[in-house]
Amino acid sequence: MRGRWRDHRQVINGIIHRLGTGVQWRELPERFGPWKTVHKRHLLRSADGTWERLLRHVQSAVDAAEGGIDGNINVELKQFRAVATRYDKRGYVYLGTVTAAALLIWLRP
């Protein structure tokens, strides 16, 4: 029998926290749950293309609502310390980190 998944919001908040602060996974505050859970969920979402699908969906929605993309969306990804420090060793995980950071930029009002 499999255990229940930790609250998705809590885990996503842990991933977002890491994106912004650049802390290593082991240093995540306990309020996000076990660091291994947050890390594994990010690995899974990076590997299965979830971050990329979400980014494409958000981009399509913005494009349809606003009739195009303006230059204001082009914001330096380096503000996300996890992108700038590049702690992720595997290419697909780093791509997932960059894509999740881009997703957060697109979701900002």
C-alpha atoms as a PDB file:
ATOM      1  CA  MET A   1       0.000   0.000   0.000  1.00  0.00           C
ATOM      2  CA  ARG A   2       1.347   3.383  -0.954  1.00  0.00           C
ATOM      3  CA  GLY A   3       1.421   6.338   1.407  1.00  0.00           C
ATOM      4  CA  ARG A   4      -0.444   9.559   0.843  1.00  0.00           C
ATOM      5  CA  TRP A   5       1.250  12.338  -1.051  1.00  0.00           C
ATOM      6  CA  ARG A   6       2.292  15.357   0.952  1.00  0.00           C
ATOM      7  CA  ASP A   7       0.155  18.451   0.318  1.00  0.00           C
ATOM      8  CA  HIS A   8       0.977  19.659  -3.193  1.00  0.00           C
ATOM      9  CA  ARG A   9       0.805  23.322  -2.181  1.00  0.00           C
ATOM     10  CA  GLN A  10       3.344  22.805   0.571  1.00  0.00           C
ATOM     11  CA  VAL A  11       5.743  21.059  -1.793  1.00  0.00           C
ATOM     12  CA  ILE A  12       5.298  23.643  -4.584  1.00  0.00           C
ATOM     13  CA  ASN A  13       5.946  26.394  -2.040  1.00  0.00           C
ATOM     14  CA  GLY A  14       9.147  24.579  -1.072  1.00  0.00           C
ATOM     15  CA  ILE A  15      10.234  24.475  -4.721  1.00  0.00           C
ATOM     16  CA  ILE A  16       9.408  28.174  -5.127  1.00  0.00           C
ATOM     17  CA  HIS A  17      11.335  28.980  -1.946  1.00  0.00           C
ATOM     18  CA  ARG A  18      14.366  27.160  -3.288  1.00  0.00           C
ATOM     19  CA  LEU A  19      14.087  28.918  -6.655  1.00  0.00           C
ATOM     20  CA  GLY A  20      14.158  32.305  -4.969  1.00  0.00           C
ATOM     21  CA  THR A  21      16.754  31.679  -2.297  1.00  0.00           C
ATOM     22  CA  GLY A  22      19.025  29.194  -4.026  1.00  0.00           C
ATOM     23  CA  VAL A  23      19.410  27.134  -0.854  1.00  0.00           C
ATOM     24  CA  GLN A  24      20.537  23.579  -1.268  1.00  0.00           C
ATOM     25  CA  TRP A  25      17.754  21.049  -0.958  1.00  0.00           C
ATOM     26  CA  ARG A  26      18.992  19.833   2.429  1.00  0.00           C
ATOM     27  CA  GLU A  27      18.679  23.366   3.808  1.00  0.00           C
ATOM     28  CA  LEU A  28      14.975  23.817   3.020  1.00  0.00           C
ATOM     29  CA  PRO A  29      13.012  24.961   6.078  1.00  0.00           C
ATOM     30  CA  GLU A  30      10.955  22.221   7.711  1.00  0.00           C
ATOM     31  CA  ARG A  31       7.691  24.063   7.030  1.00  0.00           C
ATOM     32  CA  PHE A  32       7.857  22.712   3.458  1.00  0.00           C
ATOM     33  CA  GLY A  33       8.048  19.134   4.651  1.00  0.00           C
ATOM     34  CA  PRO A  34      10.938  16.716   4.226  1.00  0.00           C
ATOM     35  CA  TRP A  35      13.515  18.137   1.832  1.00  0.00           C
ATOM     36  CA  LYS A  36      13.783  14.784   0.080  1.00  0.00           C
ATOM     37  CA  THR A  37      10.070  14.909  -0.771  1.00  0.00           C
ATOM     38  CA  VAL A  38      10.330  18.416  -2.222  1.00  0.00           C
ATOM     39  CA  HIS A  39      13.474  17.517  -4.145  1.00  0.00           C
ATOM     40  CA  LYS A  40      12.003  14.299  -5.517  1.00  0.00           C
ATOM     41  CA  ARG A  41       8.815  16.052  -6.611  1.00  0.00           C
ATOM     42  CA  HIS A  42      10.893  18.660  -8.464  1.00  0.00           C
ATOM     43  CA  LEU A  43      12.898  15.871 -10.129  1.00  0.00           C
ATOM     44  CA  LEU A  44       9.691  14.136 -11.197  1.00  0.00           C
ATOM     45  CA  ARG A  45       8.093  17.321 -12.550  1.00  0.00           C
ATOM     46  CA  SER A  46      11.293  18.168 -14.415  1.00  0.00           C
ATOM     47  CA  ALA A  47      11.596  14.685 -15.928  1.00  0.00           C
ATOM     48  CA  ASP A  48       7.969  14.253 -16.977  1.00  0.00           C
ATOM     49  CA  GLY A  49       7.696  17.704 -18.599  1.00  0.00           C
ATOM     50  CA  THR A  50       5.131  19.109 -16.169  1.00  0.00           C
ATOM     51  CA  TRP A  51       6.948  22.435 -15.786  1.00  0.00           C
ATOM     52  CA  GLU A  52       7.192  22.817 -19.573  1.00  0.00           C
ATOM     53  CA  ARG A  53       3.498  21.982 -20.120  1.00  0.00           C
ATOM     54  CA  LEU A  54       2.455  24.475 -17.437  1.00  0.00           C
ATOM     55  CA  LEU A  55       4.656  27.188 -18.948  1.00  0.00           C
ATOM     56  CA  ARG A  56       3.226  26.590 -22.456  1.00  0.00           C
ATOM     57  CA  HIS A  57      -0.312  26.694 -21.045  1.00  0.00           C
ATOM     58  CA  VAL A  58       0.292  29.994 -19.229  1.00  0.00           C
ATOM     59  CA  GLN A  59       1.975  31.513 -22.291  1.00  0.00           C
ATOM     60  CA  SER A  60      -0.963  30.475 -24.498  1.00  0.00           C
ATOM     61  CA  ALA A  61      -3.487  31.879 -22.042  1.00  0.00           C
ATOM     62  CA  VAL A  62      -1.667  35.215 -21.827  1.00  0.00           C
ATOM     63  CA  ASP A  63      -1.283  35.344 -25.596  1.00  0.00           C
ATOM     64  CA  ALA A  64      -5.001  34.681 -26.136  1.00  0.00           C
ATOM     65  CA  ALA A  65      -6.094  37.183 -23.491  1.00  0.00           C
ATOM     66  CA  GLU A  66      -3.721  39.990 -24.436  1.00  0.00           C
ATOM     67  CA  GLY A  67      -3.285  39.341 -28.149  1.00  0.00           C
ATOM     68  CA  GLY A  68       0.459  38.945 -27.966  1.00  0.00           C
ATOM     69  CA  ILE A  69       3.544  39.193 -25.845  1.00  0.00           C
ATOM     70  CA  ASP A  70       5.209  42.485 -25.064  1.00  0.00           C
ATOM     71  CA  GLY A  71       8.798  43.119 -24.014  1.00  0.00           C
ATOM     72  CA  ASN A  72       7.926  43.462 -20.332  1.00  0.00           C
ATOM     73  CA  ILE A  73       8.019  39.698 -19.845  1.00  0.00           C
ATOM     74  CA  ASN A  74      11.738  39.572 -20.647  1.00  0.00           C
ATOM     75  CA  VAL A  75      13.041  39.680 -17.041  1.00  0.00           C
ATOM     76  CA  GLU A  76      16.483  38.550 -15.921  1.00  0.00           C
ATOM     77  CA  LEU A  77      16.215  34.835 -14.692  1.00  0.00           C
ATOM     78  CA  LYS A  78      19.219  35.540 -12.512  1.00  0.00           C
ATOM     79  CA  GLN A  79      16.898  36.942  -9.849  1.00  0.00           C
ATOM     80  CA  PHE A  80      16.182  33.302  -9.053  1.00  0.00           C
ATOM     81  CA  ARG A  81      19.256  32.241  -7.121  1.00  0.00           C
ATOM     82  CA  ALA A  82      18.709  28.553  -7.872  1.00  0.00           C
ATOM     83  CA  VAL A  83      19.091  29.405 -11.563  1.00  0.00           C
ATOM     84  CA  ALA A  84      22.121  31.634 -11.013  1.00  0.00           C
ATOM     85  CA  THR A  85      23.959  29.241  -8.690  1.00  0.00           C
ATOM     86  CA  ARG A  86      23.143  26.121 -10.753  1.00  0.00           C
ATOM     87  CA  TYR A  87      23.319  23.567  -7.955  1.00  0.00           C
ATOM     88  CA  ASP A  88      21.373  21.084 -10.074  1.00  0.00           C
ATOM     89  CA  LYS A  89      23.833  18.612 -11.544  1.00  0.00           C
ATOM     90  CA  ARG A  90      21.607  16.899 -14.106  1.00  0.00           C
ATOM     91  CA  GLY A  91      20.706  18.839 -17.235  1.00  0.00           C
ATOM     92  CA  TYR A  92      17.016  17.923 -17.192  1.00  0.00           C
ATOM     93  CA  VAL A  93      16.694  19.035 -13.560  1.00  0.00           C
ATOM     94  CA  TYR A  94      18.375  22.366 -14.295  1.00  0.00           C
ATOM     95  CA  LEU A  95      16.059  22.808 -17.290  1.00  0.00           C
ATOM     96  CA  GLY A  96      13.137  22.122 -14.945  1.00  0.00           C
ATOM     97  CA  THR A  97      14.477  24.733 -12.518  1.00  0.00           C
ATOM     98  CA  VAL A  98      14.798  27.338 -15.279  1.00  0.00           C
ATOM     99  CA  THR A  99      11.353  26.469 -16.647  1.00  0.00           C
ATOM    100  CA  ALA A 100       9.724  26.688 -13.197  1.00  0.00           C
ATOM    101  CA  ALA A 101      11.374  30.097 -12.700  1.00  0.00           C
ATOM    102  CA  ALA A 102      10.087  31.256 -16.108  1.00  0.00           C
ATOM    103  CA  LEU A 103       6.637  30.013 -15.126  1.00  0.00           C
ATOM    104  CA  LEU A 104       6.736  32.178 -12.006  1.00  0.00           C
ATOM    105  CA  ILE A 105       7.698  35.205 -14.094  1.00  0.00           C
ATOM    106  CA  TRP A 106       4.750  34.607 -16.412  1.00  0.00           C
ATOM    107  CA  LEU A 107       2.350  34.219 -13.485  1.00  0.00           C
ATOM    108  CA  ARG A 108       3.286  37.554 -11.909  1.00  0.00           C
ATOM    109  CA  PRO A 109       0.636  40.257 -12.269  1.00  0.00           C
END
